[in-house]
Amino acid sequence: MSGTVRTSGDRGRLGNALSGLAVAVGCVLFLGGFAWGAVEYKPYTVPTDSMTPTVKVGDRVLAQRIDGSEVRRGDVVIFQDPAWGDMPMVKRVVGVGGDKVACCDSRGRLTVNGKGIAEPYLQKNPLTKGRASATDFTAKVPEGQLFVLGDERTNSMDSRVHLQDAEHGSVPLSTVSARVDAIAWPLGGGALERPKAFAALPGGVSQLGPVKLVLGSVLLGLVLILGGSAYGPLARRLGRKKAVAGVR
């Protein structure tokens, strides 16, 4: 009777081939993930605490490169408007062109076109007494503009400060360069979920960008690279142990 006998040498060559393949695939995923991320996202360090507790001062965030036409209510965006000091700012969009934004209703909520908006992301502060804003306001958002507020409503220099401007506190769509998708640092910050209260309004809310796929590709690639690289040393170490055991 004949058959094929697989020797330890055959197993070793197979293991080396698979480990090499794992390293190669890992490099593609790892480098590809970084390249994909560099195209889709830009890092941004939050300079103030006006978006606390969603993002805090000093947080490093990943912001997807978009233009103003892709912005939806509830998005946390990065924009730079010369009328606001011509520096990058991060705020939450609560109104788009044609909206009537006001505060507050009988329950202390922000309203958009008369609909009360639940905002669980707001910073709790005794100065606001549970209201969405310490001061009342009403604004009609011109077409092509966005009405933006900070999540820390007691000290955020946002659209409320510019209500007397020609555009009633709003900023042009063209000033938006990116939308914050996730907190990269400190670790564990995770992705920014879209507020559910805005989903019922016309246009709905935006979808999270490919940040989870990008991070998954980088992490899986790293695991494959480390695992494949570790195979050779581990195999040799096990081989030496078996050889010593055989001598005994």
Protein backbone atom coordinates (compact mmCIF):
# COMPACT_ATOMS: atom_id res chain seq x y z
CA MET A 1 0.00 0.00 0.00
CA SER A 2 1.36 3.36 -0.93
CA GLY A 3 0.67 6.86 0.40
CA THR A 4 2.11 10.29 0.91
CA VAL A 5 3.95 10.93 4.14
CA ARG A 6 4.18 14.57 5.19
CA THR A 7 7.50 15.24 6.88
CA SER A 8 8.36 17.92 9.38
CA GLY A 9 10.29 19.62 6.60
CA ASP A 10 7.14 19.79 4.46
CA ARG A 11 5.18 21.23 7.35
CA GLY A 12 7.91 23.77 7.98
CA ARG A 13 7.93 24.92 4.35
CA LEU A 14 4.13 25.19 4.36
CA GLY A 15 4.21 27.17 7.60
CA ASN A 16 6.85 29.53 6.24
CA ALA A 17 4.84 30.05 3.06
CA LEU A 18 1.66 30.81 5.00
CA SER A 19 3.45 33.15 7.38
CA GLY A 20 4.97 34.99 4.43
CA LEU A 21 1.54 35.27 2.84
CA ALA A 22 0.10 36.60 6.10
CA VAL A 23 2.80 39.28 6.30
CA ALA A 24 2.25 40.26 2.66
CA VAL A 25 -1.53 40.52 3.03
CA GLY A 26 -1.05 42.34 6.33
CA CYS A 27 1.20 44.94 4.69
CA VAL A 28 -1.39 45.54 1.96
CA LEU A 29 -4.19 45.99 4.51
CA PHE A 30 -2.08 48.10 6.87
CA LEU A 31 -0.63 50.46 4.26
CA GLY A 32 -3.83 50.47 2.24
CA GLY A 33 -5.84 51.41 5.32
CA PHE A 34 -3.51 54.31 6.06
CA ALA A 35 -3.64 55.49 2.43
CA TRP A 36 -7.44 55.23 2.37
CA GLY A 37 -7.66 57.11 5.65
CA ALA A 38 -5.35 59.86 4.38
CA VAL A 39 -7.60 60.40 1.37
CA GLU A 40 -10.89 60.33 3.30
CA TYR A 41 -9.91 61.94 6.59
CA LYS A 42 -7.84 64.71 8.06
CA PRO A 43 -6.83 64.90 11.74
CA TYR A 44 -7.90 67.93 13.72
CA THR A 45 -7.15 69.00 17.28
CA VAL A 46 -10.13 70.61 19.03
CA PRO A 47 -8.95 74.03 20.28
CA THR A 48 -11.75 74.92 22.74
CA ASP A 49 -14.24 73.31 25.11
CA SER A 50 -17.31 74.63 23.23
CA MET A 51 -18.21 71.10 22.07
CA THR A 52 -17.92 69.46 25.49
CA PRO A 53 -18.84 66.72 26.31
CA THR A 54 -19.04 65.38 22.73
CA VAL A 55 -15.44 66.37 22.02
CA LYS A 56 -13.22 68.04 24.59
CA VAL A 57 -10.47 70.60 24.27
CA GLY A 58 -7.28 68.90 23.09
CA ASP A 59 -9.09 65.87 21.62
CA ARG A 60 -7.67 64.60 18.33
CA VAL A 61 -10.52 63.84 15.94
CA LEU A 62 -10.84 62.27 12.51
CA ALA A 63 -12.82 64.51 10.17
CA GLN A 64 -14.03 63.22 6.81
CA ARG A 65 -13.28 65.54 3.91
CA ILE A 66 -16.64 66.72 2.53
CA ASP A 67 -18.17 69.83 1.03
CA GLY A 68 -21.13 71.77 2.31
CA SER A 69 -23.64 70.00 0.05
CA GLU A 70 -23.14 66.78 2.05
CA VAL A 71 -23.90 68.35 5.46
CA ARG A 72 -27.03 67.31 7.34
CA ARG A 73 -28.59 68.52 10.59
CA GLY A 74 -26.85 67.04 13.61
CA ASP A 75 -23.43 66.84 11.94
CA VAL A 76 -20.40 68.11 13.83
CA VAL A 77 -18.48 70.05 11.20
CA ILE A 78 -15.22 71.94 10.80
CA PHE A 79 -15.55 75.25 9.01
CA GLN A 80 -13.61 78.46 8.53
CA ASP A 81 -15.55 81.67 7.96
CA PRO A 82 -13.73 85.03 7.53
CA ALA A 83 -16.68 86.74 9.22
CA TRP A 84 -16.06 84.61 12.33
CA GLY A 85 -12.34 85.33 12.63
CA ASP A 86 -11.14 83.21 9.71
CA MET A 87 -9.94 80.33 11.89
CA PRO A 88 -11.00 76.65 11.89
CA MET A 89 -13.94 76.05 14.22
CA VAL A 90 -15.89 72.93 15.22
CA LYS A 91 -19.64 73.18 15.86
CA ARG A 92 -22.84 71.16 15.46
CA VAL A 93 -25.22 71.95 12.60
CA VAL A 94 -28.77 72.41 13.93
CA GLY A 95 -30.34 74.17 10.94
CA VAL A 96 -29.95 74.24 7.16
CA GLY A 97 -31.22 76.63 4.49
CA GLY A 98 -34.90 77.43 4.89
CA ASP A 99 -35.13 76.27 8.52
CA LYS A 100 -36.54 78.33 11.36
CA VAL A 101 -34.43 77.63 14.45
CA ALA A 102 -35.66 78.82 17.85
CA CYS A 103 -35.23 78.34 21.57
CA CYS A 104 -36.83 77.44 23.71
CA ASP A 105 -40.17 75.57 23.71
CA SER A 106 -42.21 74.86 26.86
CA ARG A 107 -39.88 71.98 27.68
CA GLY A 108 -36.73 74.04 27.23
CA ARG A 109 -35.82 72.37 23.94
CA LEU A 110 -34.38 73.74 20.75
CA THR A 111 -36.94 73.72 17.93
CA VAL A 112 -36.41 73.37 14.20
CA ASN A 113 -39.43 74.32 12.09
CA GLY A 114 -41.55 74.05 15.22
CA LYS A 115 -40.37 70.53 16.10
CA GLY A 116 -38.75 70.08 19.52
CA ILE A 117 -35.31 68.47 19.32
CA ALA A 118 -34.05 66.14 22.05
CA GLU A 119 -30.34 66.82 22.54
CA PRO A 120 -28.87 64.22 24.91
CA TYR A 121 -25.36 65.27 23.89
CA LEU A 122 -25.60 68.67 25.59
CA GLN A 123 -23.29 69.56 28.46
CA LYS A 124 -25.27 69.67 31.71
CA ASN A 125 -24.92 73.08 33.34
CA PRO A 126 -26.89 74.67 36.19
CA LEU A 127 -26.76 78.03 34.41
CA THR A 128 -29.06 76.77 31.65
CA LYS A 129 -31.47 75.06 34.10
CA GLY A 130 -32.03 72.21 31.67
CA ARG A 131 -32.72 74.50 28.72
CA ALA A 132 -31.04 74.14 25.33
CA SER A 133 -29.87 77.76 25.61
CA ALA A 134 -29.71 80.20 28.50
CA THR A 135 -31.01 82.93 26.20
CA ASP A 136 -34.02 82.80 23.87
CA PHE A 137 -33.50 83.33 20.15
CA THR A 138 -35.20 82.87 16.78
CA ALA A 139 -33.46 82.75 13.43
CA LYS A 140 -34.43 82.04 9.84
CA VAL A 141 -31.59 80.27 8.01
CA PRO A 142 -30.99 81.63 4.48
CA GLU A 143 -30.60 79.18 1.60
CA GLY A 144 -27.04 77.95 1.20
CA GLN A 145 -26.29 78.62 4.86
CA LEU A 146 -25.98 76.60 8.11
CA PHE A 147 -26.95 77.48 11.68
CA VAL A 148 -24.40 76.05 14.11
CA LEU A 149 -24.21 75.69 17.88
CA GLY A 150 -21.73 74.27 20.37
CA ASP A 151 -22.75 71.44 22.70
CA GLU A 152 -21.49 73.50 25.66
CA ARG A 153 -24.11 76.21 25.25
CA THR A 154 -22.96 78.48 28.10
CA ASN A 155 -19.65 79.54 26.55
CA SER A 156 -19.82 78.58 22.88
CA MET A 157 -19.20 81.43 20.44
CA ASP A 158 -21.67 80.18 17.85
CA SER A 159 -24.53 81.37 15.65
CA ARG A 160 -26.29 82.98 18.61
CA VAL A 161 -23.46 85.51 18.92
CA HIS A 162 -23.87 86.52 15.26
CA LEU A 163 -27.67 86.85 15.10
CA GLN A 164 -27.39 90.53 14.18
CA ASP A 165 -25.14 89.78 11.20
CA ALA A 166 -26.50 89.98 7.68
CA GLU A 167 -26.92 86.19 7.51
CA HIS A 168 -28.66 85.96 10.91
CA GLY A 169 -25.82 84.03 12.53
CA SER A 170 -25.45 81.39 9.83
CA VAL A 171 -22.32 80.36 7.90
CA PRO A 172 -22.04 79.53 4.17
CA LEU A 173 -21.98 75.91 3.03
CA SER A 174 -18.74 76.72 1.22
CA THR A 175 -16.91 77.31 4.52
CA VAL A 176 -17.29 73.65 5.58
CA SER A 177 -14.26 71.44 4.93
CA ALA A 178 -14.91 68.31 6.98
CA ARG A 179 -17.33 66.40 9.20
CA VAL A 180 -16.12 64.81 12.46
CA ASP A 181 -16.63 61.04 12.43
CA ALA A 182 -14.59 59.80 15.37
CA ILE A 183 -12.31 60.69 18.26
CA ALA A 184 -8.84 59.28 17.60
CA TRP A 185 -7.24 60.48 20.84
CA PRO A 186 -7.65 59.81 23.68
CA LEU A 187 -8.19 56.16 22.83
CA GLY A 188 -11.65 54.79 23.35
CA GLY A 189 -13.43 57.93 22.17
CA GLY A 190 -15.06 56.01 19.34
CA ALA A 191 -17.33 57.13 16.52
CA LEU A 192 -19.75 60.06 16.78
CA GLU A 193 -23.30 58.82 16.42
CA ARG A 194 -25.78 60.90 14.44
CA PRO A 195 -28.52 62.46 16.65
CA LYS A 196 -31.79 60.55 16.21
CA ALA A 197 -33.98 63.61 16.81
CA PHE A 198 -32.94 65.15 13.48
CA ALA A 199 -33.70 61.98 11.50
CA ALA A 200 -37.42 62.77 11.25
CA LEU A 201 -36.78 66.14 9.56
CA PRO A 202 -36.59 66.44 5.75
CA GLY A 203 -33.22 65.25 4.48
CA GLY A 204 -32.65 63.05 7.51
CA VAL A 205 -29.18 62.63 8.95
CA SER A 206 -25.86 61.78 7.35
CA GLN A 207 -24.28 58.35 7.41
CA LEU A 208 -21.03 57.61 9.20
CA GLY A 209 -18.09 57.60 6.80
CA PRO A 210 -15.75 54.62 6.29
CA VAL A 211 -13.82 55.29 9.50
CA LYS A 212 -14.61 51.86 10.98
CA LEU A 213 -13.51 50.08 7.79
CA VAL A 214 -10.32 52.15 7.66
CA LEU A 215 -9.43 51.39 11.28
CA GLY A 216 -10.41 47.73 10.82
CA SER A 217 -8.11 47.41 7.82
CA VAL A 218 -5.18 48.95 9.72
CA LEU A 219 -5.71 46.78 12.82
CA LEU A 220 -6.23 43.53 10.88
CA GLY A 221 -3.13 44.28 8.82
CA LEU A 222 -1.11 44.85 11.99
CA VAL A 223 -2.30 41.56 13.48
CA LEU A 224 -1.37 39.63 10.32
CA ILE A 225 2.06 41.27 10.14
CA LEU A 226 2.85 40.53 13.79
CA GLY A 227 1.42 37.01 13.63
CA GLY A 228 3.23 36.11 10.41
CA SER A 229 6.50 37.57 11.63
CA ALA A 230 6.28 35.66 14.89
CA TYR A 231 5.80 32.26 13.20
CA GLY A 232 9.45 31.70 12.28
CA PRO A 233 10.97 32.33 15.73
CA LEU A 234 8.23 30.32 17.44
CA ALA A 235 8.63 27.38 15.05
CA ARG A 236 12.40 27.30 15.57
CA ARG A 237 11.99 27.47 19.33
CA LEU A 238 9.51 24.57 19.31
CA GLY A 239 11.81 22.62 17.00
CA ARG A 240 14.74 22.99 19.42
CA LYS A 241 12.57 21.85 22.34
CA LYS A 242 11.49 18.74 20.42
CA ALA A 243 15.10 17.99 19.46
CA VAL A 244 16.21 18.21 23.10
CA ALA A 245 13.30 16.02 24.17
CA GLY A 246 14.28 13.44 21.52
CA VAL A 247 17.86 13.25 22.77
CA ARG A 248 16.63 12.51 26.26
